Amino acid sequence: MKIRKLLRVLHRDLGYFIVGMTVVYTLSGIYLNHRHDFNPDYKIYYSEANFAVPDKTDFTADEIRDALKKVDENVVYKKHYLNNEGKIKIFIENGEAVFNPHNGEGYIQYLERRPLIFSLNKLHRASIGTTWKWVSDLMAVILLFVAVSGLFLLKGKRSLQSWGWWLLAAGIVVPLTFIIIYI
């Protein structure tokens, strides 16, 4: 079997294999690229609240639990502390609450996982364990092979030797330009 025919067969078959994973990485990559615009993993629900507490800054866990129950009975208390702004920050299950201990004004933020997007982002970050990290690395190697083998599949005026090298050079110059300008 000639090398070009072998490359074409491997390029095609491995290309089919990685399509699904490429779609996952593409979608989650777009969400992760915009993580400064919105939280790609969680929907955040914000609710203003008035905590009925005495005017003091040193609260016990039971006092905080009681104040939370008056605002929302379903809130599960984890822990709390006095932050740098003099406000009480409370960690709750699936969120946080913050209030001013002098006047009781504050808010509760609830976090809700974005069902599919959260899972895709965990895969993209390879943060679900060692096995997935190796699967992800294998996908990267196959993707590299498909990209490089594709350079040698075409003949004629659209091949790497005539037209393709211009596009290849542009594909290298664009990220290098951003590296030089921004890094």
N, C-alpha and C. Protein backbone atom coordinates (compact mmCIF):
# COMPACT_ATOMS: atom_id res chain seq x y z
N MET A 1 0.85 -1.18 0.00
CA MET A 1 0.00 0.00 0.00
C MET A 1 0.89 1.24 0.00
N LYS A 2 0.56 2.17 -0.89
CA LYS A 2 1.33 3.39 -0.97
C LYS A 2 1.06 4.26 0.24
N ILE A 3 2.04 5.11 0.57
CA ILE A 3 1.94 5.95 1.77
C ILE A 3 0.76 6.91 1.70
N ARG A 4 0.49 7.49 0.53
CA ARG A 4 -0.63 8.43 0.40
C ARG A 4 -1.97 7.72 0.62
N LYS A 5 -2.09 6.49 0.13
CA LYS A 5 -3.32 5.73 0.32
C LYS A 5 -3.49 5.36 1.80
N LEU A 6 -2.40 4.95 2.47
CA LEU A 6 -2.44 4.64 3.89
C LEU A 6 -2.82 5.88 4.70
N LEU A 7 -2.22 7.03 4.36
CA LEU A 7 -2.56 8.28 5.04
C LEU A 7 -4.04 8.61 4.86
N ARG A 8 -4.56 8.41 3.65
CA ARG A 8 -5.96 8.72 3.37
C ARG A 8 -6.88 7.83 4.22
N VAL A 9 -6.57 6.53 4.29
CA VAL A 9 -7.38 5.60 5.08
C VAL A 9 -7.33 5.96 6.57
N LEU A 10 -6.12 6.18 7.10
CA LEU A 10 -5.99 6.53 8.52
C LEU A 10 -6.62 7.89 8.82
N HIS A 11 -6.40 8.84 7.93
CA HIS A 11 -6.97 10.18 8.10
C HIS A 11 -8.50 10.09 8.17
N ARG A 12 -9.09 9.34 7.27
CA ARG A 12 -10.54 9.19 7.23
C ARG A 12 -11.06 8.49 8.48
N ASP A 13 -10.50 7.33 8.80
CA ASP A 13 -11.02 6.53 9.91
C ASP A 13 -10.79 7.19 11.26
N LEU A 14 -9.60 7.73 11.48
CA LEU A 14 -9.35 8.42 12.74
C LEU A 14 -10.15 9.72 12.82
N GLY A 15 -10.36 10.36 11.66
CA GLY A 15 -11.19 11.56 11.61
C GLY A 15 -12.62 11.27 12.06
N TYR A 16 -13.20 10.17 11.57
CA TYR A 16 -14.53 9.76 12.03
C TYR A 16 -14.53 9.52 13.53
N PHE A 17 -13.48 8.86 14.02
CA PHE A 17 -13.41 8.52 15.43
C PHE A 17 -13.44 9.76 16.32
N ILE A 18 -12.75 10.81 15.93
CA ILE A 18 -12.62 11.97 16.82
C ILE A 18 -13.68 13.05 16.61
N VAL A 19 -14.60 12.85 15.69
CA VAL A 19 -15.61 13.88 15.45
C VAL A 19 -16.41 14.19 16.71
N GLY A 20 -16.90 13.17 17.40
CA GLY A 20 -17.71 13.40 18.60
C GLY A 20 -16.93 14.15 19.66
N MET A 21 -15.68 13.74 19.89
CA MET A 21 -14.87 14.41 20.91
C MET A 21 -14.54 15.84 20.49
N THR A 22 -14.35 16.05 19.21
CA THR A 22 -14.06 17.40 18.72
C THR A 22 -15.26 18.32 18.94
N VAL A 23 -16.47 17.81 18.74
CA VAL A 23 -17.68 18.60 18.99
C VAL A 23 -17.75 18.97 20.47
N VAL A 24 -17.47 18.00 21.37
CA VAL A 24 -17.49 18.28 22.81
C VAL A 24 -16.48 19.37 23.15
N TYR A 25 -15.25 19.23 22.65
CA TYR A 25 -14.21 20.23 22.95
C TYR A 25 -14.53 21.59 22.33
N THR A 26 -15.15 21.58 21.17
CA THR A 26 -15.51 22.85 20.53
C THR A 26 -16.56 23.60 21.34
N LEU A 27 -17.64 22.90 21.70
CA LEU A 27 -18.71 23.55 22.46
C LEU A 27 -18.22 24.02 23.82
N SER A 28 -17.53 23.15 24.55
CA SER A 28 -17.06 23.56 25.87
C SER A 28 -15.98 24.63 25.76
N GLY A 29 -15.17 24.58 24.72
CA GLY A 29 -14.15 25.60 24.51
C GLY A 29 -14.75 26.98 24.32
N ILE A 30 -15.86 27.05 23.59
CA ILE A 30 -16.53 28.33 23.40
C ILE A 30 -17.05 28.85 24.73
N TYR A 31 -17.68 27.98 25.50
CA TYR A 31 -18.18 28.40 26.82
C TYR A 31 -17.04 28.84 27.73
N LEU A 32 -15.95 28.08 27.75
CA LEU A 32 -14.82 28.42 28.62
C LEU A 32 -14.12 29.69 28.17
N ASN A 33 -14.11 29.95 26.87
CA ASN A 33 -13.52 31.20 26.37
C ASN A 33 -14.27 32.42 26.89
N HIS A 34 -15.54 32.25 27.20
CA HIS A 34 -16.37 33.37 27.65
C HIS A 34 -16.66 33.31 29.15
N ARG A 35 -15.81 32.64 29.90
CA ARG A 35 -16.02 32.51 31.35
C ARG A 35 -15.92 33.85 32.06
N HIS A 36 -15.34 34.88 31.43
CA HIS A 36 -15.28 36.20 32.05
C HIS A 36 -16.56 37.01 31.76
N ASP A 37 -17.34 36.54 30.80
CA ASP A 37 -18.61 37.20 30.48
C ASP A 37 -19.77 36.63 31.30
N PHE A 38 -19.71 35.34 31.60
CA PHE A 38 -20.73 34.68 32.41
C PHE A 38 -20.12 33.39 32.96
N ASN A 39 -20.78 32.83 33.96
CA ASN A 39 -20.30 31.59 34.56
C ASN A 39 -20.74 30.42 33.67
N PRO A 40 -19.80 29.73 33.00
CA PRO A 40 -20.21 28.68 32.08
C PRO A 40 -20.68 27.41 32.79
N ASP A 41 -20.38 27.24 34.06
CA ASP A 41 -20.73 26.02 34.78
C ASP A 41 -22.04 26.14 35.55
N TYR A 42 -22.36 27.34 36.03
CA TYR A 42 -23.51 27.51 36.92
C TYR A 42 -24.37 28.69 36.51
N LYS A 43 -25.68 28.53 36.69
CA LYS A 43 -26.59 29.67 36.64
C LYS A 43 -26.58 30.25 38.05
N ILE A 44 -26.55 31.56 38.16
CA ILE A 44 -26.52 32.21 39.47
C ILE A 44 -27.83 32.97 39.67
N TYR A 45 -28.52 32.63 40.74
CA TYR A 45 -29.75 33.30 41.11
C TYR A 45 -29.46 34.19 42.31
N TYR A 46 -29.82 35.44 42.21
CA TYR A 46 -29.52 36.45 43.22
C TYR A 46 -30.82 36.90 43.86
N SER A 47 -30.84 36.93 45.18
CA SER A 47 -32.03 37.34 45.89
C SER A 47 -31.65 38.24 47.06
N GLU A 48 -32.22 39.45 47.09
CA GLU A 48 -31.96 40.33 48.24
C GLU A 48 -32.71 39.79 49.44
N ALA A 49 -32.12 39.98 50.62
CA ALA A 49 -32.73 39.45 51.83
C ALA A 49 -32.47 40.39 53.00
N ASN A 50 -33.34 40.31 53.98
CA ASN A 50 -33.15 41.06 55.21
C ASN A 50 -33.04 40.06 56.36
N PHE A 51 -31.87 39.99 56.95
CA PHE A 51 -31.60 39.04 58.02
C PHE A 51 -31.95 39.69 59.37
N ALA A 52 -32.82 39.06 60.11
CA ALA A 52 -33.23 39.58 61.42
C ALA A 52 -32.19 39.13 62.45
N VAL A 53 -31.20 40.00 62.68
CA VAL A 53 -30.12 39.66 63.61
C VAL A 53 -29.86 40.85 64.53
N PRO A 54 -29.32 40.58 65.72
CA PRO A 54 -28.94 41.69 66.60
C PRO A 54 -27.73 42.42 66.04
N ASP A 55 -27.56 43.66 66.44
CA ASP A 55 -26.45 44.49 65.96
C ASP A 55 -25.16 44.08 66.67
N LYS A 56 -24.48 43.10 66.09
CA LYS A 56 -23.18 42.63 66.60
C LYS A 56 -22.43 41.98 65.46
N THR A 57 -21.18 41.65 65.66
CA THR A 57 -20.37 41.06 64.59
C THR A 57 -19.92 39.64 64.89
N ASP A 58 -20.12 39.19 66.12
CA ASP A 58 -19.67 37.85 66.50
C ASP A 58 -20.90 36.95 66.65
N PHE A 59 -21.12 36.08 65.64
CA PHE A 59 -22.29 35.21 65.64
C PHE A 59 -21.86 33.75 65.77
N THR A 60 -22.65 32.98 66.46
CA THR A 60 -22.41 31.54 66.52
C THR A 60 -23.05 30.90 65.30
N ALA A 61 -22.67 29.67 65.03
CA ALA A 61 -23.24 28.95 63.90
C ALA A 61 -24.75 28.78 64.07
N ASP A 62 -25.21 28.55 65.29
CA ASP A 62 -26.65 28.39 65.53
C ASP A 62 -27.42 29.69 65.26
N GLU A 63 -26.83 30.82 65.62
CA GLU A 63 -27.48 32.10 65.34
C GLU A 63 -27.59 32.35 63.84
N ILE A 64 -26.54 31.99 63.11
CA ILE A 64 -26.57 32.16 61.64
C ILE A 64 -27.61 31.22 61.04
N ARG A 65 -27.66 29.97 61.50
CA ARG A 65 -28.66 29.02 61.00
C ARG A 65 -30.08 29.56 61.22
N ASP A 66 -30.33 30.10 62.41
CA ASP A 66 -31.66 30.65 62.70
C ASP A 66 -32.00 31.81 61.77
N ALA A 67 -31.03 32.71 61.55
CA ALA A 67 -31.25 33.86 60.66
C ALA A 67 -31.51 33.39 59.23
N LEU A 68 -30.79 32.37 58.80
CA LEU A 68 -31.00 31.83 57.44
C LEU A 68 -32.37 31.20 57.31
N LYS A 69 -32.79 30.46 58.32
CA LYS A 69 -34.10 29.78 58.27
C LYS A 69 -35.24 30.79 58.14
N LYS A 70 -35.07 31.97 58.73
CA LYS A 70 -36.11 33.00 58.62
C LYS A 70 -36.18 33.57 57.21
N VAL A 71 -35.06 33.52 56.50
CA VAL A 71 -35.04 34.03 55.12
C VAL A 71 -35.48 32.94 54.14
N ASP A 72 -34.96 31.72 54.33
CA ASP A 72 -35.30 30.60 53.44
C ASP A 72 -35.13 29.30 54.23
N GLU A 73 -36.21 28.60 54.41
CA GLU A 73 -36.17 27.37 55.22
C GLU A 73 -35.32 26.26 54.61
N ASN A 74 -35.13 26.29 53.31
CA ASN A 74 -34.43 25.21 52.62
C ASN A 74 -32.91 25.39 52.56
N VAL A 75 -32.41 26.51 53.05
CA VAL A 75 -30.98 26.79 52.99
C VAL A 75 -30.23 25.88 53.96
N VAL A 76 -29.12 25.29 53.48
CA VAL A 76 -28.29 24.42 54.32
C VAL A 76 -26.99 25.16 54.64
N TYR A 77 -26.80 25.47 55.91
CA TYR A 77 -25.63 26.20 56.39
C TYR A 77 -24.40 25.30 56.38
N LYS A 78 -23.24 25.87 55.97
CA LYS A 78 -21.97 25.15 56.05
C LYS A 78 -21.03 25.83 57.04
N LYS A 79 -20.68 27.11 56.78
CA LYS A 79 -19.85 27.87 57.72
C LYS A 79 -19.95 29.34 57.38
N HIS A 80 -19.36 30.19 58.23
CA HIS A 80 -19.42 31.63 58.00
C HIS A 80 -18.17 32.29 58.57
N TYR A 81 -17.98 33.55 58.15
CA TYR A 81 -16.89 34.37 58.70
C TYR A 81 -17.20 35.84 58.46
N LEU A 82 -16.48 36.70 59.16
CA LEU A 82 -16.57 38.15 59.00
C LEU A 82 -15.55 38.55 57.93
N ASN A 83 -16.01 39.11 56.80
CA ASN A 83 -15.07 39.43 55.71
C ASN A 83 -14.42 40.80 55.92
N ASN A 84 -13.56 41.20 55.00
CA ASN A 84 -12.80 42.45 55.10
C ASN A 84 -13.67 43.70 55.11
N GLU A 85 -14.87 43.59 54.56
CA GLU A 85 -15.78 44.73 54.50
C GLU A 85 -16.65 44.83 55.76
N GLY A 86 -16.43 43.93 56.71
CA GLY A 86 -17.22 43.93 57.93
C GLY A 86 -18.56 43.25 57.79
N LYS A 87 -18.75 42.50 56.72
CA LYS A 87 -20.00 41.79 56.48
C LYS A 87 -19.82 40.31 56.83
N ILE A 88 -20.90 39.67 57.16
CA ILE A 88 -20.88 38.24 57.45
C ILE A 88 -21.09 37.49 56.15
N LYS A 89 -20.14 36.66 55.79
CA LYS A 89 -20.28 35.83 54.59
C LYS A 89 -20.57 34.42 55.05
N ILE A 90 -21.62 33.85 54.50
CA ILE A 90 -22.08 32.52 54.90
C ILE A 90 -22.01 31.59 53.69
N PHE A 91 -21.34 30.48 53.88
CA PHE A 91 -21.31 29.46 52.84
C PHE A 91 -22.49 28.54 53.06
N ILE A 92 -23.29 28.39 52.03
CA ILE A 92 -24.44 27.51 52.09
C ILE A 92 -24.31 26.48 50.98
N GLU A 93 -25.09 25.43 51.09
CA GLU A 93 -25.07 24.43 50.02
C GLU A 93 -25.60 25.10 48.76
N ASN A 94 -24.85 24.99 47.68
CA ASN A 94 -25.20 25.57 46.38
C ASN A 94 -25.27 27.09 46.39
N GLY A 95 -24.35 27.74 47.13
CA GLY A 95 -24.33 29.19 47.06
C GLY A 95 -23.68 29.86 48.26
N GLU A 96 -24.08 31.12 48.45
CA GLU A 96 -23.55 31.90 49.56
C GLU A 96 -24.55 32.98 49.94
N ALA A 97 -24.41 33.45 51.17
CA ALA A 97 -25.22 34.57 51.63
C ALA A 97 -24.27 35.58 52.27
N VAL A 98 -24.59 36.85 52.13
CA VAL A 98 -23.78 37.92 52.72
C VAL A 98 -24.75 38.93 53.33
N PHE A 99 -24.45 39.38 54.55
CA PHE A 99 -25.28 40.42 55.13
C PHE A 99 -24.46 41.34 56.02
N ASN A 100 -24.97 42.55 56.16
CA ASN A 100 -24.37 43.55 57.03
C ASN A 100 -24.88 43.28 58.45
N PRO A 101 -23.99 43.00 59.39
CA PRO A 101 -24.45 42.64 60.74
C PRO A 101 -25.09 43.80 61.50
N HIS A 102 -24.91 45.03 61.05
CA HIS A 102 -25.46 46.19 61.75
C HIS A 102 -26.91 46.49 61.38
N ASN A 103 -27.27 46.21 60.11
CA ASN A 103 -28.65 46.50 59.71
C ASN A 103 -29.38 45.27 59.14
N GLY A 104 -28.69 44.15 58.97
CA GLY A 104 -29.32 42.93 58.49
C GLY A 104 -29.55 42.86 57.00
N GLU A 105 -29.19 43.91 56.26
CA GLU A 105 -29.39 43.91 54.81
C GLU A 105 -28.36 43.03 54.14
N GLY A 106 -28.80 42.27 53.15
CA GLY A 106 -27.87 41.40 52.45
C GLY A 106 -28.51 40.70 51.26
N TYR A 107 -27.92 39.62 50.86
CA TYR A 107 -28.41 38.87 49.71
C TYR A 107 -28.02 37.40 49.85
N ILE A 108 -28.68 36.60 49.04
CA ILE A 108 -28.34 35.17 48.92
C ILE A 108 -28.14 34.90 47.43
N GLN A 109 -27.07 34.20 47.13
CA GLN A 109 -26.83 33.74 45.75
C GLN A 109 -26.93 32.22 45.73
N TYR A 110 -27.76 31.73 44.84
CA TYR A 110 -27.90 30.29 44.66
C TYR A 110 -27.25 29.90 43.34
N LEU A 111 -26.50 28.82 43.36
CA LEU A 111 -25.87 28.31 42.15
C LEU A 111 -26.60 27.05 41.69
N GLU A 112 -26.84 26.97 40.39
CA GLU A 112 -27.45 25.78 39.82
C GLU A 112 -26.61 25.34 38.63
N ARG A 113 -26.17 24.09 38.65
CA ARG A 113 -25.35 23.59 37.55
C ARG A 113 -26.11 23.66 36.24
N ARG A 114 -25.38 24.06 35.20
CA ARG A 114 -25.94 23.99 33.85
C ARG A 114 -25.77 22.52 33.42
N PRO A 115 -26.85 21.77 33.28
CA PRO A 115 -26.76 20.31 33.18
C PRO A 115 -25.74 19.77 32.18
N LEU A 116 -25.86 20.05 30.94
CA LEU A 116 -24.94 19.49 29.94
C LEU A 116 -23.63 20.25 29.90
N ILE A 117 -23.70 21.56 29.97
CA ILE A 117 -22.51 22.39 29.83
C ILE A 117 -21.51 22.13 30.96
N PHE A 118 -22.00 21.97 32.19
CA PHE A 118 -21.11 21.67 33.32
C PHE A 118 -20.31 20.40 33.05
N SER A 119 -20.97 19.37 32.58
CA SER A 119 -20.31 18.10 32.30
C SER A 119 -19.29 18.24 31.16
N LEU A 120 -19.67 18.92 30.10
CA LEU A 120 -18.75 19.12 28.97
C LEU A 120 -17.50 19.89 29.42
N ASN A 121 -17.69 20.91 30.26
CA ASN A 121 -16.55 21.70 30.73
C ASN A 121 -15.62 20.87 31.61
N LYS A 122 -16.19 19.97 32.43
CA LYS A 122 -15.35 19.10 33.26
C LYS A 122 -14.52 18.18 32.36
N LEU A 123 -15.11 17.68 31.29
CA LEU A 123 -14.35 16.87 30.35
C LEU A 123 -13.25 17.70 29.70
N HIS A 124 -13.59 18.90 29.27
CA HIS A 124 -12.62 19.77 28.59
C HIS A 124 -11.43 20.07 29.48
N ARG A 125 -11.68 20.31 30.75
CA ARG A 125 -10.59 20.61 31.70
C ARG A 125 -9.83 19.36 32.12
N ALA A 126 -10.31 18.19 31.71
CA ALA A 126 -9.73 16.89 32.10
C ALA A 126 -9.62 16.81 33.62
N SER A 127 -10.72 17.18 34.29
CA SER A 127 -10.71 17.21 35.75
C SER A 127 -11.58 16.12 36.36
N ILE A 128 -11.75 15.00 35.64
CA ILE A 128 -12.56 13.93 36.20
C ILE A 128 -11.73 12.68 36.50
N GLY A 129 -10.42 12.78 36.37
CA GLY A 129 -9.60 11.63 36.75
C GLY A 129 -8.51 11.33 35.73
N THR A 130 -7.63 10.45 36.13
CA THR A 130 -6.46 10.11 35.32
C THR A 130 -6.84 9.42 34.02
N THR A 131 -7.81 8.53 34.05
CA THR A 131 -8.19 7.81 32.84
C THR A 131 -8.65 8.76 31.75
N TRP A 132 -9.51 9.72 32.13
CA TRP A 132 -9.98 10.67 31.12
C TRP A 132 -8.83 11.52 30.60
N LYS A 133 -7.88 11.87 31.46
CA LYS A 133 -6.73 12.66 31.01
C LYS A 133 -6.00 11.93 29.89
N TRP A 134 -5.83 10.61 30.03
CA TRP A 134 -5.14 9.83 29.00
C TRP A 134 -5.99 9.71 27.74
N VAL A 135 -7.29 9.58 27.89
CA VAL A 135 -8.19 9.56 26.72
C VAL A 135 -8.09 10.90 26.00
N SER A 136 -8.07 11.98 26.76
CA SER A 136 -7.96 13.32 26.20
C SER A 136 -6.62 13.50 25.46
N ASP A 137 -5.54 12.99 26.06
CA ASP A 137 -4.23 13.06 25.41
C ASP A 137 -4.22 12.26 24.10
N LEU A 138 -4.84 11.08 24.13
CA LEU A 138 -4.93 10.26 22.91
C LEU A 138 -5.70 11.01 21.83
N MET A 139 -6.78 11.67 22.22
CA MET A 139 -7.55 12.44 21.25
C MET A 139 -6.70 13.55 20.65
N ALA A 140 -5.88 14.21 21.48
CA ALA A 140 -5.02 15.29 21.00
C ALA A 140 -4.00 14.75 20.00
N VAL A 141 -3.43 13.58 20.28
CA VAL A 141 -2.45 12.98 19.36
C VAL A 141 -3.12 12.61 18.04
N ILE A 142 -4.32 12.02 18.12
CA ILE A 142 -5.04 11.66 16.90
C ILE A 142 -5.40 12.92 16.11
N LEU A 143 -5.82 13.96 16.80
CA LEU A 143 -6.16 15.22 16.13
C LEU A 143 -4.93 15.81 15.43
N LEU A 144 -3.77 15.73 16.09
CA LEU A 144 -2.53 16.18 15.47
C LEU A 144 -2.21 15.36 14.23
N PHE A 145 -2.37 14.03 14.32
CA PHE A 145 -2.12 13.18 13.16
C PHE A 145 -3.05 13.53 12.00
N VAL A 146 -4.34 13.71 12.31
CA VAL A 146 -5.31 14.04 11.25
C VAL A 146 -4.95 15.38 10.61
N ALA A 147 -4.54 16.33 11.43
CA ALA A 147 -4.17 17.65 10.89
C ALA A 147 -2.95 17.55 9.99
N VAL A 148 -1.91 16.87 10.45
CA VAL A 148 -0.67 16.78 9.68
C VAL A 148 -0.84 15.89 8.45
N SER A 149 -1.53 14.76 8.60
CA SER A 149 -1.71 13.87 7.45
C SER A 149 -2.54 14.54 6.37
N GLY A 150 -3.47 15.41 6.78
CA GLY A 150 -4.28 16.13 5.81
C GLY A 150 -3.45 17.03 4.91
N LEU A 151 -2.28 17.45 5.38
CA LEU A 151 -1.40 18.29 4.56
C LEU A 151 -0.91 17.57 3.31
N PHE A 152 -0.85 16.25 3.36
CA PHE A 152 -0.21 15.49 2.28
C PHE A 152 -1.20 14.70 1.44
N LEU A 153 -2.48 14.89 1.62
CA LEU A 153 -3.46 14.10 0.89
C LEU A 153 -3.75 14.63 -0.50
N LEU A 154 -3.77 15.93 -0.68
CA LEU A 154 -4.14 16.50 -1.97
C LEU A 154 -2.93 16.64 -2.89
N LYS A 155 -3.22 16.50 -4.19
CA LYS A 155 -2.21 16.73 -5.23
C LYS A 155 -2.68 17.92 -6.07
N GLY A 156 -1.78 18.46 -6.87
CA GLY A 156 -2.16 19.49 -7.83
C GLY A 156 -2.10 20.90 -7.28
N LYS A 157 -2.92 21.81 -7.90
CA LYS A 157 -2.81 23.23 -7.57
C LYS A 157 -3.35 23.59 -6.19
N ARG A 158 -4.12 22.72 -5.54
CA ARG A 158 -4.62 22.96 -4.18
C ARG A 158 -3.81 22.20 -3.14
N SER A 159 -2.69 21.66 -3.49
CA SER A 159 -1.87 20.87 -2.57
C SER A 159 -1.02 21.78 -1.67
N LEU A 160 -0.33 21.14 -0.74
CA LEU A 160 0.55 21.87 0.18
C LEU A 160 1.66 22.59 -0.58
N GLN A 161 2.17 21.98 -1.64
CA GLN A 161 3.29 22.56 -2.37
C GLN A 161 2.94 23.84 -3.13
N SER A 162 1.67 23.99 -3.54
CA SER A 162 1.36 25.19 -4.32
C SER A 162 0.52 26.21 -3.53
N TRP A 163 -0.63 25.88 -3.10
CA TRP A 163 -1.51 26.84 -2.46
C TRP A 163 -1.56 26.63 -0.95
N GLY A 164 -1.50 25.41 -0.51
CA GLY A 164 -1.68 25.06 0.88
C GLY A 164 -0.66 25.66 1.84
N TRP A 165 0.57 25.85 1.38
CA TRP A 165 1.58 26.35 2.30
C TRP A 165 1.28 27.79 2.73
N TRP A 166 0.58 28.57 1.88
CA TRP A 166 0.19 29.92 2.27
C TRP A 166 -0.79 29.88 3.45
N LEU A 167 -1.77 29.00 3.34
CA LEU A 167 -2.76 28.88 4.42
C LEU A 167 -2.12 28.29 5.67
N LEU A 168 -1.20 27.35 5.48
CA LEU A 168 -0.48 26.78 6.62
C LEU A 168 0.32 27.88 7.33
N ALA A 169 0.99 28.71 6.57
CA ALA A 169 1.77 29.81 7.15
C ALA A 169 0.86 30.79 7.89
N ALA A 170 -0.30 31.09 7.30
CA ALA A 170 -1.25 32.00 7.96
C ALA A 170 -1.73 31.39 9.28
N GLY A 171 -1.96 30.08 9.29
CA GLY A 171 -2.39 29.39 10.51
C GLY A 171 -1.35 29.42 11.61
N ILE A 172 -0.10 29.56 11.24
CA ILE A 172 0.98 29.67 12.22
C ILE A 172 1.18 31.13 12.63
N VAL A 173 1.07 32.05 11.68
CA VAL A 173 1.31 33.46 11.94
C VAL A 173 0.26 34.07 12.88
N VAL A 174 -1.00 33.68 12.74
CA VAL A 174 -2.06 34.28 13.56
C VAL A 174 -1.80 34.06 15.06
N PRO A 175 -1.60 32.82 15.54
CA PRO A 175 -1.33 32.67 16.98
C PRO A 175 0.00 33.30 17.40
N LEU A 176 1.01 33.24 16.53
CA LEU A 176 2.29 33.86 16.87
C LEU A 176 2.14 35.37 17.05
N THR A 177 1.31 35.98 16.22
CA THR A 177 1.07 37.42 16.33
C THR A 177 0.45 37.75 17.69
N PHE A 178 -0.52 36.95 18.11
CA PHE A 178 -1.14 37.20 19.41
C PHE A 178 -0.15 36.97 20.54
N ILE A 179 0.72 36.00 20.39
CA ILE A 179 1.75 35.74 21.42
C ILE A 179 2.66 36.95 21.51
N ILE A 180 3.09 37.46 20.37
CA ILE A 180 4.03 38.60 20.37
C ILE A 180 3.37 39.85 20.93
N ILE A 181 2.12 40.11 20.57
CA ILE A 181 1.43 41.32 20.99
C ILE A 181 0.98 41.26 22.44
N TYR A 182 0.41 40.13 22.87
CA TYR A 182 -0.26 40.09 24.17
C TYR A 182 0.46 39.35 25.27
N ILE A 183 1.49 38.61 24.95
CA ILE A 183 2.15 37.82 26.01
C ILE A 183 3.57 38.31 26.23
